[in-house]
N, C-alpha and C. Protein backbone atom coordinates (compact mmCIF):
# COMPACT_ATOMS: atom_id res chain seq x y z
N VAL A 1 -4.72 1.15 47.51
CA VAL A 1 -3.62 0.85 48.58
C VAL A 1 -2.99 2.04 49.19
N GLN A 2 -2.82 1.98 50.40
CA GLN A 2 -1.62 3.18 51.03
C GLN A 2 -0.66 2.52 51.85
N LEU A 3 0.44 3.00 51.60
CA LEU A 3 1.26 2.43 52.73
C LEU A 3 2.05 3.73 53.25
N GLN A 4 1.93 3.96 54.52
CA GLN A 4 2.82 4.66 55.53
C GLN A 4 3.69 4.23 55.94
N ALA A 5 5.02 4.73 55.56
CA ALA A 5 6.18 4.19 56.73
C ALA A 5 6.12 5.38 57.89
N SER A 6 7.44 5.10 58.86
CA SER A 6 7.95 5.75 59.44
C SER A 6 8.49 5.20 60.52
N GLY A 7 9.47 6.16 61.36
CA GLY A 7 10.22 5.34 62.12
C GLY A 7 11.70 6.27 62.14
N GLY A 8 11.85 6.75 60.94
CA GLY A 8 13.19 7.16 60.86
C GLY A 8 13.71 8.00 62.09
N GLY A 9 14.86 8.45 61.55
CA GLY A 9 15.39 9.62 62.60
C GLY A 9 16.97 9.81 62.26
N LEU A 10 17.34 10.84 63.50
CA LEU A 10 18.91 10.73 63.50
C LEU A 10 19.59 9.71 64.64
N VAL A 11 20.70 8.83 63.98
CA VAL A 11 21.09 7.86 65.06
C VAL A 11 22.74 7.91 64.63
N HIS A 12 23.54 8.09 65.32
CA HIS A 12 24.87 7.54 65.40
C HIS A 12 25.60 6.30 65.05
N THR A 13 26.51 6.34 64.49
CA THR A 13 26.81 5.12 64.06
C THR A 13 27.16 4.19 64.80
N GLY A 14 26.94 2.90 64.50
CA GLY A 14 26.45 1.61 65.50
C GLY A 14 25.06 1.44 66.33
N GLY A 15 24.18 2.74 66.17
CA GLY A 15 23.50 2.90 66.90
C GLY A 15 21.91 1.85 66.02
N SER A 16 20.58 1.97 66.43
CA SER A 16 19.53 1.29 66.09
C SER A 16 18.63 2.24 65.45
N LEU A 17 17.58 1.25 64.97
CA LEU A 17 16.13 1.78 64.17
C LEU A 17 15.54 0.89 63.98
N ARG A 18 14.23 1.22 64.24
CA ARG A 18 12.96 0.52 63.84
C ARG A 18 12.03 1.41 62.85
N LEU A 19 12.18 0.75 61.81
CA LEU A 19 11.22 1.67 60.47
C LEU A 19 9.70 0.54 60.58
N SER A 20 8.51 1.53 60.55
CA SER A 20 7.41 0.58 60.59
C SER A 20 6.56 1.05 59.08
N CYS A 21 5.98 0.22 58.39
CA CYS A 21 5.01 0.55 57.35
C CYS A 21 3.81 -0.13 57.68
N ALA A 22 2.46 0.88 57.86
CA ALA A 22 1.32 0.08 58.14
C ALA A 22 0.34 0.34 56.38
N VAL A 23 0.45 -0.87 56.07
CA VAL A 23 -0.51 -0.93 54.99
C VAL A 23 -1.65 -0.95 55.20
N SER A 24 -2.76 -0.50 53.94
CA SER A 24 -4.23 -0.19 54.02
C SER A 24 -4.87 -1.58 54.25
N ARG A 25 -4.44 -2.64 53.78
CA ARG A 25 -4.37 -3.88 53.04
C ARG A 25 -4.24 -5.17 53.60
N SER A 26 -4.98 -5.80 53.84
CA SER A 26 -4.04 -7.20 54.72
C SER A 26 -2.92 -7.65 53.60
N LEU A 27 -2.39 -7.87 54.55
CA LEU A 27 -0.89 -8.36 53.87
C LEU A 27 -0.93 -9.74 53.30
N PHE A 28 -2.12 -10.50 53.27
CA PHE A 28 -2.00 -11.61 52.67
C PHE A 28 -2.36 -11.44 51.08
N THR A 29 -2.64 -10.15 50.74
CA THR A 29 -3.21 -9.99 49.33
C THR A 29 -1.83 -9.68 48.82
N PHE A 30 -0.63 -9.44 49.11
CA PHE A 30 0.59 -9.20 48.88
C PHE A 30 1.55 -10.54 48.14
N ASP A 31 2.14 -10.33 47.45
CA ASP A 31 3.18 -11.78 46.94
C ASP A 31 4.14 -11.49 47.56
N SER A 32 4.68 -9.93 47.69
CA SER A 32 6.14 -9.29 48.63
C SER A 32 5.50 -8.19 48.93
N LEU A 33 6.42 -8.03 50.45
CA LEU A 33 6.81 -6.70 50.98
C LEU A 33 7.99 -6.21 51.18
N ALA A 34 8.68 -5.07 50.90
CA ALA A 34 9.97 -5.25 50.94
C ALA A 34 10.06 -3.73 51.23
N TRP A 35 11.44 -3.14 51.72
CA TRP A 35 11.95 -1.93 51.75
C TRP A 35 13.33 -1.61 50.76
N TYR A 36 13.02 -0.53 50.32
CA TYR A 36 13.93 0.26 49.52
C TYR A 36 14.69 1.57 50.10
N ARG A 37 15.59 1.79 49.80
CA ARG A 37 16.49 3.06 50.35
C ARG A 37 16.69 3.80 49.11
N GLN A 38 16.74 4.86 48.80
CA GLN A 38 18.27 6.08 48.07
C GLN A 38 18.52 7.04 48.80
N ALA A 39 19.89 6.80 48.46
CA ALA A 39 21.02 8.28 49.13
C ALA A 39 20.97 9.11 47.88
N PRO A 40 21.02 10.18 48.42
CA PRO A 40 21.29 11.39 47.66
C PRO A 40 22.14 10.82 46.25
N GLY A 41 22.13 11.51 45.23
CA GLY A 41 22.76 11.12 44.28
C GLY A 41 22.75 10.05 43.95
N LYS A 42 21.97 8.34 44.35
CA LYS A 42 22.04 7.14 43.85
C LYS A 42 20.45 6.87 43.77
N GLN A 43 20.98 5.23 42.48
CA GLN A 43 19.62 4.88 42.66
C GLN A 43 18.72 4.51 43.87
N ARG A 44 17.22 4.42 43.85
CA ARG A 44 16.92 3.45 44.74
C ARG A 44 16.94 2.04 44.64
N GLU A 45 17.57 1.59 46.09
CA GLU A 45 18.43 -0.29 46.09
C GLU A 45 16.97 -0.99 46.61
N LEU A 46 17.26 -2.13 46.36
CA LEU A 46 16.31 -2.83 47.08
C LEU A 46 17.19 -3.07 48.80
N VAL A 47 16.60 -3.55 49.80
CA VAL A 47 17.36 -3.10 50.79
C VAL A 47 17.28 -5.03 51.64
N ALA A 48 15.61 -4.98 51.20
CA ALA A 48 15.13 -6.38 52.24
C ALA A 48 13.89 -6.33 51.57
N SER A 49 13.16 -7.84 51.82
CA SER A 49 12.20 -7.71 51.21
C SER A 49 11.50 -9.59 51.81
N ILE A 50 10.87 -9.52 51.85
CA ILE A 50 9.78 -10.74 52.45
C ILE A 50 8.37 -11.12 51.96
N ASP A 51 8.64 -12.40 51.87
CA ASP A 51 7.24 -12.77 50.91
C ASP A 51 6.45 -13.25 51.68
N HIS A 52 5.29 -14.35 50.76
CA HIS A 52 4.10 -14.57 51.77
C HIS A 52 4.43 -15.73 52.88
N LEU A 53 5.43 -16.61 52.01
CA LEU A 53 6.01 -17.59 52.71
C LEU A 53 7.01 -16.93 54.03
N ASP A 54 7.15 -15.72 54.56
CA ASP A 54 7.91 -15.32 55.26
C ASP A 54 9.86 -15.84 54.97
N ILE A 55 10.16 -15.58 53.84
CA ILE A 55 11.13 -16.14 53.17
C ILE A 55 11.80 -14.40 52.82
N ALA A 56 12.98 -14.64 53.82
CA ALA A 56 13.18 -13.28 53.54
C ALA A 56 14.64 -13.30 52.70
N ILE A 57 14.89 -11.69 51.84
CA ILE A 57 16.39 -11.83 51.47
C ILE A 57 16.79 -10.54 51.26
N TYR A 58 18.21 -10.03 51.77
CA TYR A 58 18.58 -9.32 52.11
C TYR A 58 19.36 -8.75 51.23
N ALA A 59 19.84 -7.56 50.91
CA ALA A 59 21.28 -6.41 50.09
C ALA A 59 22.46 -7.08 51.05
N ASP A 60 23.13 -7.34 50.66
CA ASP A 60 24.68 -8.18 51.00
C ASP A 60 25.09 -7.01 51.76
N SER A 61 24.78 -5.74 51.58
CA SER A 61 25.26 -4.66 51.98
C SER A 61 24.88 -4.66 53.69
N VAL A 62 23.57 -5.33 53.86
CA VAL A 62 22.95 -5.04 55.27
C VAL A 62 22.88 -6.26 55.78
N ARG A 63 22.86 -7.43 55.07
CA ARG A 63 22.66 -9.14 55.59
C ARG A 63 23.40 -9.16 57.18
N GLY A 64 22.82 -9.75 58.23
CA GLY A 64 23.37 -9.59 59.42
C GLY A 64 23.35 -8.48 60.19
N ARG A 65 22.83 -7.43 59.73
CA ARG A 65 22.64 -6.19 60.67
C ARG A 65 21.25 -5.87 60.79
N PHE A 66 20.30 -6.05 59.85
CA PHE A 66 19.27 -5.94 59.47
C PHE A 66 18.03 -6.46 59.49
N THR A 67 16.78 -6.53 59.92
CA THR A 67 15.81 -7.89 60.11
C THR A 67 14.40 -7.25 59.23
N ILE A 68 13.77 -7.68 58.50
CA ILE A 68 12.48 -7.28 57.87
C ILE A 68 11.41 -8.74 58.38
N SER A 69 10.75 -7.84 59.01
CA SER A 69 9.57 -8.78 59.33
C SER A 69 8.33 -8.41 58.79
N ARG A 70 7.12 -8.82 59.31
CA ARG A 70 5.88 -8.59 58.90
C ARG A 70 4.62 -8.95 60.08
N ASP A 71 4.43 -8.52 60.51
CA ASP A 71 2.61 -8.58 61.53
C ASP A 71 1.59 -8.61 60.87
N ASN A 72 0.57 -9.52 60.77
CA ASN A 72 -0.39 -9.50 59.34
C ASN A 72 -1.76 -9.11 60.33
N THR A 73 -1.61 -9.56 61.25
CA THR A 73 -2.89 -9.17 62.34
C THR A 73 -2.81 -7.47 62.08
N LYS A 74 -1.88 -6.83 62.51
CA LYS A 74 -1.60 -5.77 62.33
C LYS A 74 -1.60 -4.61 61.05
N LYS A 75 -1.32 -5.64 60.43
CA LYS A 75 -1.72 -5.33 58.50
C LYS A 75 0.13 -4.29 58.92
N SER A 76 1.02 -4.58 59.21
CA SER A 76 2.11 -3.92 59.11
C SER A 76 3.65 -4.97 58.91
N MET A 77 4.36 -4.07 58.21
CA MET A 77 5.85 -4.52 58.40
C MET A 77 6.71 -3.55 58.81
N TYR A 78 7.87 -4.36 58.93
CA TYR A 78 8.94 -3.64 59.51
C TYR A 78 10.16 -3.88 59.04
N LEU A 79 11.43 -3.13 59.53
CA LEU A 79 12.69 -2.83 59.26
C LEU A 79 13.26 -2.78 60.80
N GLN A 80 13.72 -3.57 61.14
CA GLN A 80 14.99 -3.47 62.42
C GLN A 80 16.46 -3.45 61.87
N MET A 81 16.61 -2.24 62.12
CA MET A 81 18.20 -1.56 61.18
C MET A 81 19.37 -1.63 62.92
N ASN A 82 20.12 -2.44 62.71
CA ASN A 82 21.56 -2.47 63.94
C ASN A 82 22.63 -1.98 63.09
N MET A 83 23.97 -1.64 64.20
CA MET A 83 24.66 -1.49 63.96
C MET A 83 24.60 -0.67 62.54
N LEU A 84 23.87 0.57 62.58
CA LEU A 84 23.94 1.48 61.35
C LEU A 84 25.40 2.09 61.58
N LYS A 85 24.98 2.36 59.76
CA LYS A 85 26.71 2.92 58.98
C LYS A 85 26.19 4.54 58.39
N PRO A 86 27.45 5.18 58.14
CA PRO A 86 26.87 6.40 57.47
C PRO A 86 26.69 6.15 56.10
N GLU A 87 26.74 4.73 55.67
CA GLU A 87 26.42 4.19 53.97
C GLU A 87 24.86 3.90 54.35
N ASP A 88 24.17 3.73 55.53
CA ASP A 88 23.14 3.36 55.46
C ASP A 88 22.38 4.79 55.23
N ALA A 89 22.35 5.66 55.25
CA ALA A 89 21.82 7.03 55.32
C ALA A 89 20.86 7.02 53.60
N GLY A 90 19.81 7.48 54.03
CA GLY A 90 19.03 7.44 53.02
C GLY A 90 17.71 7.91 53.05
N VAL A 91 16.84 8.00 52.00
CA VAL A 91 15.33 7.85 52.40
C VAL A 91 14.69 6.01 52.04
N TYR A 92 14.55 6.15 53.54
CA TYR A 92 13.69 4.70 53.20
C TYR A 92 12.30 4.92 52.92
N TYR A 93 12.10 3.80 51.98
CA TYR A 93 10.91 3.68 51.06
C TYR A 93 10.07 1.88 51.14
N CYS A 94 8.81 2.02 52.07
CA CYS A 94 8.19 0.58 51.83
C CYS A 94 7.43 -0.21 50.90
N TYR A 95 6.68 -1.15 50.22
CA TYR A 95 7.02 -1.13 48.91
C TYR A 95 6.11 -2.99 49.00
N ALA A 96 5.05 -2.27 48.57
CA ALA A 96 4.33 -3.95 48.67
C ALA A 96 3.90 -4.13 47.11
N ARG A 97 4.01 -5.75 46.68
CA ARG A 97 3.48 -5.99 45.40
C ARG A 97 2.26 -7.03 45.29
N ASN A 98 1.15 -6.83 43.94
CA ASN A 98 0.30 -8.08 44.00
C ASN A 98 0.04 -8.28 42.85
N SER A 99 -0.71 -9.33 42.50
CA SER A 99 -1.01 -9.62 41.21
C SER A 99 -0.99 -8.65 40.27
N ILE A 100 -1.80 -7.55 40.67
CA ILE A 100 -2.06 -6.03 39.57
C ILE A 100 -1.51 -5.19 39.40
N ASP A 101 -0.50 -4.61 40.69
CA ASP A 101 0.28 -3.52 40.74
C ASP A 101 1.02 -3.74 41.79
N THR A 102 2.23 -2.33 41.64
CA THR A 102 3.22 -1.94 43.24
C THR A 102 2.69 -1.25 43.12
N TYR A 103 3.19 -1.06 45.18
CA TYR A 103 2.62 0.44 45.73
C TYR A 103 3.89 0.64 46.78
N TRP A 104 4.09 1.83 46.86
CA TRP A 104 5.20 2.69 47.65
C TRP A 104 4.87 3.62 48.43
N GLY A 105 5.29 3.65 49.90
CA GLY A 105 5.31 4.72 50.45
C GLY A 105 5.75 5.93 50.69
N GLN A 106 5.46 6.82 51.24
CA GLN A 106 5.88 8.07 51.32
C GLN A 106 7.30 8.40 51.61
N GLY A 107 7.99 7.18 52.14
CA GLY A 107 9.22 7.17 52.77
C GLY A 107 10.14 8.18 53.76
N THR A 108 10.60 7.55 54.41
CA THR A 108 10.82 8.12 55.46
C THR A 108 12.62 8.44 56.18
N GLN A 109 12.95 9.55 56.24
CA GLN A 109 14.41 9.84 56.34
C GLN A 109 15.41 9.09 57.29
N VAL A 110 16.33 8.68 56.92
CA VAL A 110 17.35 7.70 58.12
C VAL A 110 18.82 8.66 57.96
N THR A 111 18.90 9.41 59.06
CA THR A 111 20.47 10.07 58.56
C THR A 111 21.08 9.44 59.64
N VAL A 112 22.38 9.19 59.29
CA VAL A 112 23.75 8.21 60.98
C VAL A 112 24.49 9.04 60.46
N SER A 113 25.12 9.71 61.67
CA SER A 113 26.20 10.30 61.65
C SER A 113 27.48 9.50 62.27
N SER A 114 28.58 10.03 61.80
CA SER A 114 29.85 9.22 62.54
C SER A 114 30.12 9.93 63.68
């Protein structure tokens, strides 16, 4: 299974970005899809997840600003990020889990200038 994240970049505070993650296998084979992020010197943290019933969970710090979604026909997942803050900066990783294993994308850098 391969996950390919894209869409990161440099944005000003208050701006928006949309991250994409292309998955090499049908999304129906996964129990959960998620986005994590890791800022310099900090542990990787869960940003948002979505399950096979399209039930989404968000970190408190992003709830109301970020939206996770999935497109089963395109085998892709997305993270729409609005009202970005400097503390949202970091490397964002897409993640997938099934009954066999967990899988990570390579990460995409998000930089938010103040």
